[in-house]
Amino acid sequence: MMMTVLFSDNRYLPPLKRLFRQNFPAIYGLIKIIKRREHRALACLLQSIESEIVLHRCCKRIWDEYNQEIPVFTIHDSICTTPQYVEVVRSIMGNEFEKSIGLRPHLKIENY
């Protein structure tokens, strides 16, 4: 339902989207305004926010606070590093997301 609400054209109103609109009219109204001229506008906005937090806040802080000694590589919304720095990166990402959006995300660790 959320993918449909957030990313579909405003004219597309399947039952679950109508249910969301009924239960969260103010949020739905804001989403509708953002997507008024181009339904992909919200997706672009959310991607911009994500890249601001991951690249310009998380990576910058890691780079600055650890004197460019922690290797970081980004892949979309992820930060890759070496095993010894995973917890440092996780902590900084959690802090920066919480400062930015008010919530600390659940971060999944994947080993490559």
C-alpha atoms as a PDB file:
ATOM      1  CA  MET A   1       0.000   0.000   0.000  1.00  0.00           C
ATOM      2  CA  MET A   2       2.742   2.478   0.923  1.00  0.00           C
ATOM      3  CA  MET A   3       4.544   2.041  -2.384  1.00  0.00           C
ATOM      4  CA  THR A   4       1.279   2.735  -4.199  1.00  0.00           C
ATOM      5  CA  VAL A   5       0.450   5.772  -2.048  1.00  0.00           C
ATOM      6  CA  LEU A   6       3.914   7.268  -2.342  1.00  0.00           C
ATOM      7  CA  PHE A   7       4.827   6.517  -5.931  1.00  0.00           C
ATOM      8  CA  SER A   8       1.726   6.075  -8.083  1.00  0.00           C
ATOM      9  CA  ASP A   9      -0.078   8.725 -10.076  1.00  0.00           C
ATOM     10  CA  ASN A  10      -2.654  10.672  -8.048  1.00  0.00           C
ATOM     11  CA  ARG A  11      -5.408   9.550 -10.432  1.00  0.00           C
ATOM     12  CA  TYR A  12      -4.778   5.873  -9.616  1.00  0.00           C
ATOM     13  CA  LEU A  13      -6.982   5.090  -6.590  1.00  0.00           C
ATOM     14  CA  PRO A  14      -7.125   1.376  -5.758  1.00  0.00           C
ATOM     15  CA  PRO A  15      -8.930   0.368  -2.527  1.00  0.00           C
ATOM     16  CA  LEU A  16      -5.865   0.384  -0.276  1.00  0.00           C
ATOM     17  CA  LYS A  17      -4.881   3.868  -1.420  1.00  0.00           C
ATOM     18  CA  ARG A  18      -8.413   5.068  -0.670  1.00  0.00           C
ATOM     19  CA  LEU A  19      -8.153   3.486   2.772  1.00  0.00           C
ATOM     20  CA  PHE A  20      -4.909   5.352   3.421  1.00  0.00           C
ATOM     21  CA  ARG A  21      -6.514   8.605   2.255  1.00  0.00           C
ATOM     22  CA  GLN A  22      -9.463   8.006   4.582  1.00  0.00           C
ATOM     23  CA  ASN A  23      -7.305   7.236   7.642  1.00  0.00           C
ATOM     24  CA  PHE A  24      -4.535   9.793   7.067  1.00  0.00           C
ATOM     25  CA  PRO A  25      -6.119  12.677   5.154  1.00  0.00           C
ATOM     26  CA  ALA A  26      -3.508  15.307   6.061  1.00  0.00           C
ATOM     27  CA  ILE A  27      -0.565  13.104   5.079  1.00  0.00           C
ATOM     28  CA  TYR A  28      -2.316  11.982   1.909  1.00  0.00           C
ATOM     29  CA  GLY A  29      -3.061  15.606   1.048  1.00  0.00           C
ATOM     30  CA  LEU A  30       0.606  16.572   1.366  1.00  0.00           C
ATOM     31  CA  ILE A  31       1.692  13.607  -0.765  1.00  0.00           C
ATOM     32  CA  LYS A  32      -0.904  14.539  -3.362  1.00  0.00           C
ATOM     33  CA  ILE A  33       0.332  18.143  -3.501  1.00  0.00           C
ATOM     34  CA  ILE A  34       3.942  17.057  -3.985  1.00  0.00           C
ATOM     35  CA  LYS A  35       2.904  14.722  -6.818  1.00  0.00           C
ATOM     36  CA  ARG A  36       0.415  17.145  -8.389  1.00  0.00           C
ATOM     37  CA  ARG A  37       2.359  17.928 -11.578  1.00  0.00           C
ATOM     38  CA  GLU A  38       4.608  14.866 -11.721  1.00  0.00           C
ATOM     39  CA  HIS A  39       3.946  11.689  -9.761  1.00  0.00           C
ATOM     40  CA  ARG A  40       7.684  10.882  -9.704  1.00  0.00           C
ATOM     41  CA  ALA A  41       8.470  14.107  -7.818  1.00  0.00           C
ATOM     42  CA  LEU A  42       8.089  12.503  -4.385  1.00  0.00           C
ATOM     43  CA  ALA A  43      10.450   9.659  -5.289  1.00  0.00           C
ATOM     44  CA  CYS A  44      13.055  12.198  -6.414  1.00  0.00           C
ATOM     45  CA  LEU A  45      12.579  14.256  -3.262  1.00  0.00           C
ATOM     46  CA  LEU A  46      12.983  11.197  -1.017  1.00  0.00           C
ATOM     47  CA  GLN A  47      16.120  10.147  -2.916  1.00  0.00           C
ATOM     48  CA  SER A  48      17.570  13.615  -2.473  1.00  0.00           C
ATOM     49  CA  ILE A  49      16.911  13.533   1.262  1.00  0.00           C
ATOM     50  CA  GLU A  50      18.463  10.079   1.523  1.00  0.00           C
ATOM     51  CA  SER A  51      21.593  11.109  -0.369  1.00  0.00           C
ATOM     52  CA  GLU A  52      21.927  14.259   1.757  1.00  0.00           C
ATOM     53  CA  ILE A  53      21.877  12.177   4.934  1.00  0.00           C
ATOM     54  CA  VAL A  54      24.076   9.305   3.730  1.00  0.00           C
ATOM     55  CA  LEU A  55      26.644  11.224   1.688  1.00  0.00           C
ATOM     56  CA  HIS A  56      26.789  14.720   3.098  1.00  0.00           C
ATOM     57  CA  ARG A  57      26.186  13.931   6.743  1.00  0.00           C
ATOM     58  CA  CYS A  58      27.166  10.320   7.523  1.00  0.00           C
ATOM     59  CA  CYS A  59      30.139   9.969   5.188  1.00  0.00           C
ATOM     60  CA  LYS A  60      31.375  13.482   5.878  1.00  0.00           C
ATOM     61  CA  ARG A  61      31.231  12.917   9.625  1.00  0.00           C
ATOM     62  CA  ILE A  62      33.038   9.559   9.352  1.00  0.00           C
ATOM     63  CA  TRP A  63      35.691  11.162   7.157  1.00  0.00           C
ATOM     64  CA  ASP A  64      36.137  14.220   9.394  1.00  0.00           C
ATOM     65  CA  GLU A  65      35.999  12.550  12.819  1.00  0.00           C
ATOM     66  CA  TYR A  66      38.311   9.692  11.916  1.00  0.00           C
ATOM     67  CA  ASN A  67      40.917  11.685   9.970  1.00  0.00           C
ATOM     68  CA  GLN A  68      40.143   9.984   6.653  1.00  0.00           C
ATOM     69  CA  GLU A  69      41.281   6.622   8.064  1.00  0.00           C
ATOM     70  CA  ILE A  70      37.982   4.747   7.749  1.00  0.00           C
ATOM     71  CA  PRO A  71      37.327   3.517   4.223  1.00  0.00           C
ATOM     72  CA  VAL A  72      33.768   4.216   3.120  1.00  0.00           C
ATOM     73  CA  PHE A  73      32.109   3.295  -0.154  1.00  0.00           C
ATOM     74  CA  THR A  74      28.480   4.065  -0.860  1.00  0.00           C
ATOM     75  CA  ILE A  75      26.037   1.899  -2.748  1.00  0.00           C
ATOM     76  CA  HIS A  76      22.663   3.665  -2.976  1.00  0.00           C
ATOM     77  CA  ASP A  77      21.512   4.005   0.654  1.00  0.00           C
ATOM     78  CA  SER A  78      24.314   1.854   2.073  1.00  0.00           C
ATOM     79  CA  ILE A  79      27.783   2.544   3.358  1.00  0.00           C
ATOM     80  CA  CYS A  80      30.367  -0.190   2.922  1.00  0.00           C
ATOM     81  CA  THR A  81      33.472  -0.352   5.080  1.00  0.00           C
ATOM     82  CA  THR A  82      35.918  -2.878   6.453  1.00  0.00           C
ATOM     83  CA  PRO A  83      34.854  -5.204   9.311  1.00  0.00           C
ATOM     84  CA  GLN A  84      36.718  -3.342  12.067  1.00  0.00           C
ATOM     85  CA  TYR A  85      34.753  -0.133  11.390  1.00  0.00           C
ATOM     86  CA  VAL A  86      31.233  -1.558  11.043  1.00  0.00           C
ATOM     87  CA  GLU A  87      30.101  -0.447  14.499  1.00  0.00           C
ATOM     88  CA  VAL A  88      31.522   3.061  14.074  1.00  0.00           C
ATOM     89  CA  VAL A  89      29.674   3.454  10.766  1.00  0.00           C
ATOM     90  CA  ARG A  90      26.480   1.952  12.213  1.00  0.00           C
ATOM     91  CA  SER A  91      26.576   4.322  15.185  1.00  0.00           C
ATOM     92  CA  ILE A  92      27.175   7.425  13.070  1.00  0.00           C
ATOM     93  CA  MET A  93      24.465   6.450  10.579  1.00  0.00           C
ATOM     94  CA  GLY A  94      21.969   5.868  13.392  1.00  0.00           C
ATOM     95  CA  ASN A  95      22.824   9.204  14.997  1.00  0.00           C
ATOM     96  CA  GLU A  96      22.646  11.174  11.760  1.00  0.00           C
ATOM     97  CA  PHE A  97      19.330   9.648  10.673  1.00  0.00           C
ATOM     98  CA  GLU A  98      17.871  10.289  14.113  1.00  0.00           C
ATOM     99  CA  LYS A  99      19.032  13.932  14.045  1.00  0.00           C
ATOM    100  CA  SER A 100      17.697  14.371  10.505  1.00  0.00           C
ATOM    101  CA  ILE A 101      14.328  12.620  10.605  1.00  0.00           C
ATOM    102  CA  GLY A 102      13.696  12.002  14.296  1.00  0.00           C
ATOM    103  CA  LEU A 103      13.907   8.212  14.043  1.00  0.00           C
ATOM    104  CA  ARG A 104      16.782   5.784  14.406  1.00  0.00           C
ATOM    105  CA  PRO A 105      16.515   3.235  11.579  1.00  0.00           C
ATOM    106  CA  HIS A 106      17.099  -0.485  11.856  1.00  0.00           C
ATOM    107  CA  LEU A 107      20.364  -0.965   9.991  1.00  0.00           C
ATOM    108  CA  LYS A 108      21.113  -4.332   8.431  1.00  0.00           C
ATOM    109  CA  ILE A 109      24.722  -5.492   8.325  1.00  0.00           C
ATOM    110  CA  GLU A 110      25.731  -7.529   5.280  1.00  0.00           C
ATOM    111  CA  ASN A 111      29.096  -9.168   4.828  1.00  0.00           C
ATOM    112  CA  TYR A 112      30.640  -9.297   1.365  1.00  0.00           C
END
